[in-house]
Amino acid sequence: MRYSLAMLILLAAACLEAGGDALMRFGLRSPTPARMALFFLLGGMVLALYGYTVNAPPWDFGRLLGVYVAFFFVVAQLISWLAFGQKPSPMVILGGALIVAGGCIVSLAG
């Protein structure tokens, strides 16, 4: 599998996982049981699609895990900020920079 395709799939998987988690969080904060159920159903479907996306390709996911964690961190922080108004603190940004640096190192070591 081409490196660029693998990176796109990992980015899509991170978006699906963080997005599914966000849908679950919306469900937990929903004012009515019907909306809660709808968000839980949608979140479960998105998380199932994440599971398929990350496990279907013929790759050694353990080797790509560092890159995935970096993608997940960035996407999760963006969703948390944009959807829930939770701006990352300077310490979270510093820790995230270390996570991203580690992901870069792991991707170059492959």
N, C-alpha and C. Protein backbone atom coordinates (compact mmCIF):
# COMPACT_ATOMS: atom_id res chain seq x y z
N MET A 1 0.85 -1.17 0.00
CA MET A 1 0.00 0.00 0.00
C MET A 1 0.90 1.24 0.00
N ARG A 2 0.54 2.20 -0.82
CA ARG A 2 1.30 3.45 -0.88
C ARG A 2 1.22 4.20 0.45
N TYR A 3 2.32 4.84 0.80
CA TYR A 3 2.41 5.58 2.06
C TYR A 3 1.34 6.67 2.14
N SER A 4 1.16 7.43 1.06
CA SER A 4 0.18 8.53 1.08
C SER A 4 -1.24 7.99 1.27
N LEU A 5 -1.56 6.86 0.66
CA LEU A 5 -2.88 6.26 0.84
C LEU A 5 -3.07 5.80 2.28
N ALA A 6 -2.04 5.19 2.84
CA ALA A 6 -2.12 4.75 4.24
C ALA A 6 -2.35 5.94 5.16
N MET A 7 -1.67 7.05 4.90
CA MET A 7 -1.85 8.24 5.75
C MET A 7 -3.27 8.80 5.62
N LEU A 8 -3.83 8.79 4.41
CA LEU A 8 -5.21 9.25 4.22
C LEU A 8 -6.21 8.36 4.95
N ILE A 9 -5.98 7.06 4.89
CA ILE A 9 -6.87 6.13 5.58
C ILE A 9 -6.77 6.33 7.10
N LEU A 10 -5.55 6.52 7.60
CA LEU A 10 -5.38 6.76 9.03
C LEU A 10 -6.05 8.07 9.46
N LEU A 11 -5.95 9.11 8.64
CA LEU A 11 -6.61 10.38 8.95
C LEU A 11 -8.12 10.20 8.94
N ALA A 12 -8.64 9.47 7.96
CA ALA A 12 -10.09 9.21 7.92
C ALA A 12 -10.53 8.41 9.14
N ALA A 13 -9.73 7.43 9.54
CA ALA A 13 -10.07 6.63 10.72
C ALA A 13 -10.07 7.50 11.98
N ALA A 14 -9.11 8.41 12.10
CA ALA A 14 -9.07 9.31 13.26
C ALA A 14 -10.31 10.21 13.27
N CYS A 15 -10.71 10.69 12.10
CA CYS A 15 -11.92 11.52 12.02
C CYS A 15 -13.16 10.73 12.42
N LEU A 16 -13.23 9.48 11.98
CA LEU A 16 -14.37 8.64 12.33
C LEU A 16 -14.40 8.34 13.83
N GLU A 17 -13.25 7.99 14.40
CA GLU A 17 -13.23 7.66 15.82
C GLU A 17 -13.56 8.89 16.68
N ALA A 18 -12.91 10.00 16.42
CA ALA A 18 -13.17 11.21 17.21
C ALA A 18 -14.59 11.72 16.95
N GLY A 19 -15.05 11.60 15.72
CA GLY A 19 -16.42 12.01 15.40
C GLY A 19 -17.46 11.13 16.07
N GLY A 20 -17.23 9.83 16.08
CA GLY A 20 -18.14 8.92 16.77
C GLY A 20 -18.19 9.20 18.26
N ASP A 21 -17.02 9.47 18.84
CA ASP A 21 -16.98 9.84 20.27
C ASP A 21 -17.77 11.12 20.51
N ALA A 22 -17.63 12.10 19.61
CA ALA A 22 -18.35 13.37 19.77
C ALA A 22 -19.86 13.15 19.67
N LEU A 23 -20.29 12.28 18.77
CA LEU A 23 -21.72 11.99 18.67
C LEU A 23 -22.24 11.36 19.97
N MET A 24 -21.45 10.49 20.56
CA MET A 24 -21.83 9.89 21.84
C MET A 24 -21.94 10.97 22.92
N ARG A 25 -20.99 11.91 22.91
CA ARG A 25 -21.02 13.00 23.90
C ARG A 25 -22.26 13.87 23.69
N PHE A 26 -22.60 14.16 22.42
CA PHE A 26 -23.83 14.90 22.14
C PHE A 26 -25.03 14.13 22.69
N GLY A 27 -25.03 12.81 22.51
CA GLY A 27 -26.12 11.98 23.02
C GLY A 27 -26.25 12.08 24.53
N LEU A 28 -25.13 12.03 25.22
CA LEU A 28 -25.16 12.12 26.68
C LEU A 28 -25.70 13.45 27.16
N ARG A 29 -25.55 14.49 26.35
CA ARG A 29 -26.00 15.82 26.73
C ARG A 29 -27.34 16.20 26.10
N SER A 30 -27.99 15.25 25.45
CA SER A 30 -29.25 15.54 24.76
C SER A 30 -30.38 15.76 25.75
N PRO A 31 -31.29 16.68 25.41
CA PRO A 31 -32.38 17.01 26.34
C PRO A 31 -33.52 15.98 26.35
N THR A 32 -33.61 15.16 25.30
CA THR A 32 -34.71 14.20 25.25
C THR A 32 -34.18 12.79 25.00
N PRO A 33 -34.90 11.79 25.46
CA PRO A 33 -34.47 10.40 25.21
C PRO A 33 -34.39 10.07 23.72
N ALA A 34 -35.28 10.63 22.91
CA ALA A 34 -35.26 10.34 21.47
C ALA A 34 -33.98 10.88 20.83
N ARG A 35 -33.61 12.10 21.17
CA ARG A 35 -32.36 12.67 20.62
C ARG A 35 -31.16 11.89 21.14
N MET A 36 -31.20 11.49 22.40
CA MET A 36 -30.11 10.70 22.96
C MET A 36 -29.95 9.40 22.18
N ALA A 37 -31.04 8.73 21.94
CA ALA A 37 -31.01 7.46 21.20
C ALA A 37 -30.48 7.67 19.79
N LEU A 38 -30.92 8.75 19.14
CA LEU A 38 -30.47 9.03 17.78
C LEU A 38 -28.96 9.26 17.75
N PHE A 39 -28.44 10.08 18.66
CA PHE A 39 -27.00 10.33 18.70
C PHE A 39 -26.22 9.07 19.04
N PHE A 40 -26.75 8.25 19.96
CA PHE A 40 -26.08 7.00 20.28
C PHE A 40 -26.05 6.07 19.07
N LEU A 41 -27.14 5.98 18.36
CA LEU A 41 -27.20 5.14 17.16
C LEU A 41 -26.21 5.63 16.11
N LEU A 42 -26.23 6.93 15.84
CA LEU A 42 -25.29 7.49 14.86
C LEU A 42 -23.85 7.31 15.31
N GLY A 43 -23.58 7.57 16.58
CA GLY A 43 -22.23 7.40 17.10
C GLY A 43 -21.76 5.96 16.99
N GLY A 44 -22.64 5.03 17.31
CA GLY A 44 -22.29 3.61 17.18
C GLY A 44 -21.99 3.22 15.74
N MET A 45 -22.77 3.75 14.82
CA MET A 45 -22.54 3.45 13.40
C MET A 45 -21.20 4.03 12.93
N VAL A 46 -20.91 5.26 13.33
CA VAL A 46 -19.64 5.89 12.94
C VAL A 46 -18.46 5.15 13.56
N LEU A 47 -18.60 4.73 14.82
CA LEU A 47 -17.51 3.99 15.46
C LEU A 47 -17.32 2.61 14.82
N ALA A 48 -18.40 1.99 14.38
CA ALA A 48 -18.27 0.72 13.67
C ALA A 48 -17.55 0.93 12.33
N LEU A 49 -17.87 2.01 11.65
CA LEU A 49 -17.19 2.33 10.38
C LEU A 49 -15.70 2.60 10.64
N TYR A 50 -15.41 3.26 11.75
CA TYR A 50 -14.00 3.45 12.14
C TYR A 50 -13.31 2.10 12.28
N GLY A 51 -13.94 1.19 13.01
CA GLY A 51 -13.34 -0.13 13.22
C GLY A 51 -13.06 -0.85 11.92
N TYR A 52 -13.99 -0.74 10.99
CA TYR A 52 -13.78 -1.36 9.67
C TYR A 52 -12.63 -0.66 8.94
N THR A 53 -12.65 0.67 8.95
CA THR A 53 -11.65 1.44 8.20
C THR A 53 -10.23 1.13 8.67
N VAL A 54 -10.04 1.01 9.96
CA VAL A 54 -8.70 0.82 10.49
C VAL A 54 -8.25 -0.64 10.40
N ASN A 55 -9.19 -1.57 10.31
CA ASN A 55 -8.82 -2.99 10.30
C ASN A 55 -8.89 -3.66 8.93
N ALA A 56 -9.56 -3.06 7.96
CA ALA A 56 -9.71 -3.70 6.65
C ALA A 56 -8.44 -3.68 5.80
N PRO A 57 -7.66 -2.60 5.80
CA PRO A 57 -6.48 -2.58 4.93
C PRO A 57 -5.45 -3.64 5.32
N PRO A 58 -4.69 -4.11 4.33
CA PRO A 58 -3.66 -5.13 4.62
C PRO A 58 -2.37 -4.47 5.11
N TRP A 59 -2.38 -3.99 6.33
CA TRP A 59 -1.20 -3.32 6.88
C TRP A 59 -0.90 -3.82 8.27
N ASP A 60 0.27 -3.47 8.73
CA ASP A 60 0.68 -3.77 10.11
C ASP A 60 0.30 -2.56 10.94
N PHE A 61 -0.93 -2.58 11.49
CA PHE A 61 -1.43 -1.40 12.20
C PHE A 61 -0.56 -1.05 13.39
N GLY A 62 0.02 -2.04 14.03
CA GLY A 62 0.90 -1.78 15.17
C GLY A 62 2.06 -0.88 14.79
N ARG A 63 2.56 -1.04 13.58
CA ARG A 63 3.66 -0.20 13.12
C ARG A 63 3.21 1.22 12.82
N LEU A 64 1.95 1.38 12.46
CA LEU A 64 1.42 2.69 12.11
C LEU A 64 0.72 3.38 13.28
N LEU A 65 0.69 2.72 14.42
CA LEU A 65 -0.07 3.22 15.56
C LEU A 65 0.39 4.61 16.02
N GLY A 66 1.69 4.87 16.01
CA GLY A 66 2.19 6.18 16.43
C GLY A 66 1.65 7.31 15.56
N VAL A 67 1.61 7.08 14.26
CA VAL A 67 1.06 8.07 13.34
C VAL A 67 -0.43 8.25 13.61
N TYR A 68 -1.12 7.14 13.83
CA TYR A 68 -2.56 7.21 14.09
C TYR A 68 -2.85 8.01 15.35
N VAL A 69 -2.07 7.78 16.40
CA VAL A 69 -2.28 8.50 17.66
C VAL A 69 -2.10 10.00 17.45
N ALA A 70 -1.13 10.39 16.66
CA ALA A 70 -0.92 11.82 16.37
C ALA A 70 -2.12 12.39 15.62
N PHE A 71 -2.60 11.68 14.60
CA PHE A 71 -3.79 12.13 13.87
C PHE A 71 -4.99 12.23 14.82
N PHE A 72 -5.17 11.21 15.64
CA PHE A 72 -6.32 11.20 16.54
C PHE A 72 -6.26 12.37 17.51
N PHE A 73 -5.08 12.64 18.06
CA PHE A 73 -4.96 13.76 19.00
C PHE A 73 -5.38 15.07 18.34
N VAL A 74 -4.85 15.35 17.16
CA VAL A 74 -5.15 16.61 16.49
C VAL A 74 -6.64 16.71 16.15
N VAL A 75 -7.21 15.66 15.58
CA VAL A 75 -8.63 15.68 15.21
C VAL A 75 -9.51 15.81 16.45
N ALA A 76 -9.19 15.07 17.51
CA ALA A 76 -10.01 15.13 18.73
C ALA A 76 -9.96 16.52 19.36
N GLN A 77 -8.80 17.15 19.34
CA GLN A 77 -8.70 18.50 19.89
C GLN A 77 -9.49 19.50 19.06
N LEU A 78 -9.43 19.36 17.74
CA LEU A 78 -10.21 20.25 16.87
C LEU A 78 -11.71 20.09 17.10
N ILE A 79 -12.16 18.86 17.18
CA ILE A 79 -13.59 18.61 17.42
C ILE A 79 -14.00 19.14 18.79
N SER A 80 -13.17 18.91 19.80
CA SER A 80 -13.49 19.38 21.13
C SER A 80 -13.60 20.90 21.16
N TRP A 81 -12.73 21.57 20.42
CA TRP A 81 -12.74 23.03 20.38
C TRP A 81 -13.92 23.55 19.58
N LEU A 82 -14.11 23.01 18.36
CA LEU A 82 -15.14 23.52 17.46
C LEU A 82 -16.56 23.11 17.85
N ALA A 83 -16.72 21.88 18.30
CA ALA A 83 -18.07 21.39 18.60
C ALA A 83 -18.50 21.64 20.04
N PHE A 84 -17.52 21.69 20.97
CA PHE A 84 -17.87 21.79 22.38
C PHE A 84 -17.29 23.03 23.06
N GLY A 85 -16.58 23.87 22.30
CA GLY A 85 -16.04 25.10 22.85
C GLY A 85 -14.94 24.91 23.89
N GLN A 86 -14.27 23.76 23.85
CA GLN A 86 -13.21 23.46 24.81
C GLN A 86 -11.85 23.70 24.16
N LYS A 87 -11.38 24.94 24.26
CA LYS A 87 -10.10 25.30 23.66
C LYS A 87 -8.97 24.61 24.42
N PRO A 88 -8.01 24.01 23.70
CA PRO A 88 -6.91 23.33 24.38
C PRO A 88 -6.02 24.33 25.13
N SER A 89 -5.59 23.93 26.31
CA SER A 89 -4.72 24.78 27.12
C SER A 89 -3.30 24.75 26.53
N PRO A 90 -2.47 25.69 26.96
CA PRO A 90 -1.07 25.66 26.49
C PRO A 90 -0.36 24.34 26.81
N MET A 91 -0.65 23.74 27.95
CA MET A 91 -0.01 22.47 28.29
C MET A 91 -0.51 21.33 27.40
N VAL A 92 -1.78 21.36 27.04
CA VAL A 92 -2.30 20.35 26.11
C VAL A 92 -1.65 20.53 24.74
N ILE A 93 -1.48 21.76 24.32
CA ILE A 93 -0.82 22.02 23.03
C ILE A 93 0.63 21.55 23.08
N LEU A 94 1.32 21.81 24.18
CA LEU A 94 2.70 21.35 24.32
C LEU A 94 2.78 19.83 24.29
N GLY A 95 1.93 19.18 25.07
CA GLY A 95 1.90 17.71 25.05
C GLY A 95 1.53 17.18 23.67
N GLY A 96 0.59 17.84 23.02
CA GLY A 96 0.20 17.43 21.67
C GLY A 96 1.33 17.57 20.68
N ALA A 97 2.13 18.62 20.84
CA ALA A 97 3.29 18.78 19.95
C ALA A 97 4.25 17.61 20.12
N LEU A 98 4.40 17.14 21.34
CA LEU A 98 5.26 15.96 21.57
C LEU A 98 4.64 14.71 20.94
N ILE A 99 3.33 14.58 21.04
CA ILE A 99 2.65 13.43 20.41
C ILE A 99 2.85 13.46 18.90
N VAL A 100 2.66 14.63 18.30
CA VAL A 100 2.82 14.76 16.85
C VAL A 100 4.28 14.51 16.46
N ALA A 101 5.22 15.03 17.24
CA ALA A 101 6.64 14.77 16.95
C ALA A 101 6.93 13.27 17.01
N GLY A 102 6.37 12.61 18.00
CA GLY A 102 6.56 11.16 18.10
C GLY A 102 5.95 10.43 16.90
N GLY A 103 4.78 10.87 16.46
CA GLY A 103 4.15 10.26 15.28
C GLY A 103 5.02 10.44 14.04
N CYS A 104 5.63 11.63 13.91
CA CYS A 104 6.53 11.87 12.77
C CYS A 104 7.75 10.95 12.82
N ILE A 105 8.31 10.81 14.02
CA ILE A 105 9.47 9.94 14.17
C ILE A 105 9.12 8.50 13.81
N VAL A 106 7.98 8.03 14.31
CA VAL A 106 7.55 6.66 14.02
C VAL A 106 7.31 6.49 12.52
N SER A 107 6.70 7.49 11.87
CA SER A 107 6.42 7.34 10.44
C SER A 107 7.69 7.33 9.62
N LEU A 108 8.71 8.05 10.05
CA LEU A 108 9.98 8.06 9.31
C LEU A 108 10.79 6.80 9.57
N ALA A 109 10.55 6.15 10.70
CA ALA A 109 11.31 4.94 11.04
C ALA A 109 10.83 3.74 10.26
N GLY A 110 9.59 3.82 9.68
CA GLY A 110 8.99 2.68 9.00
C GLY A 110 9.78 2.20 7.86
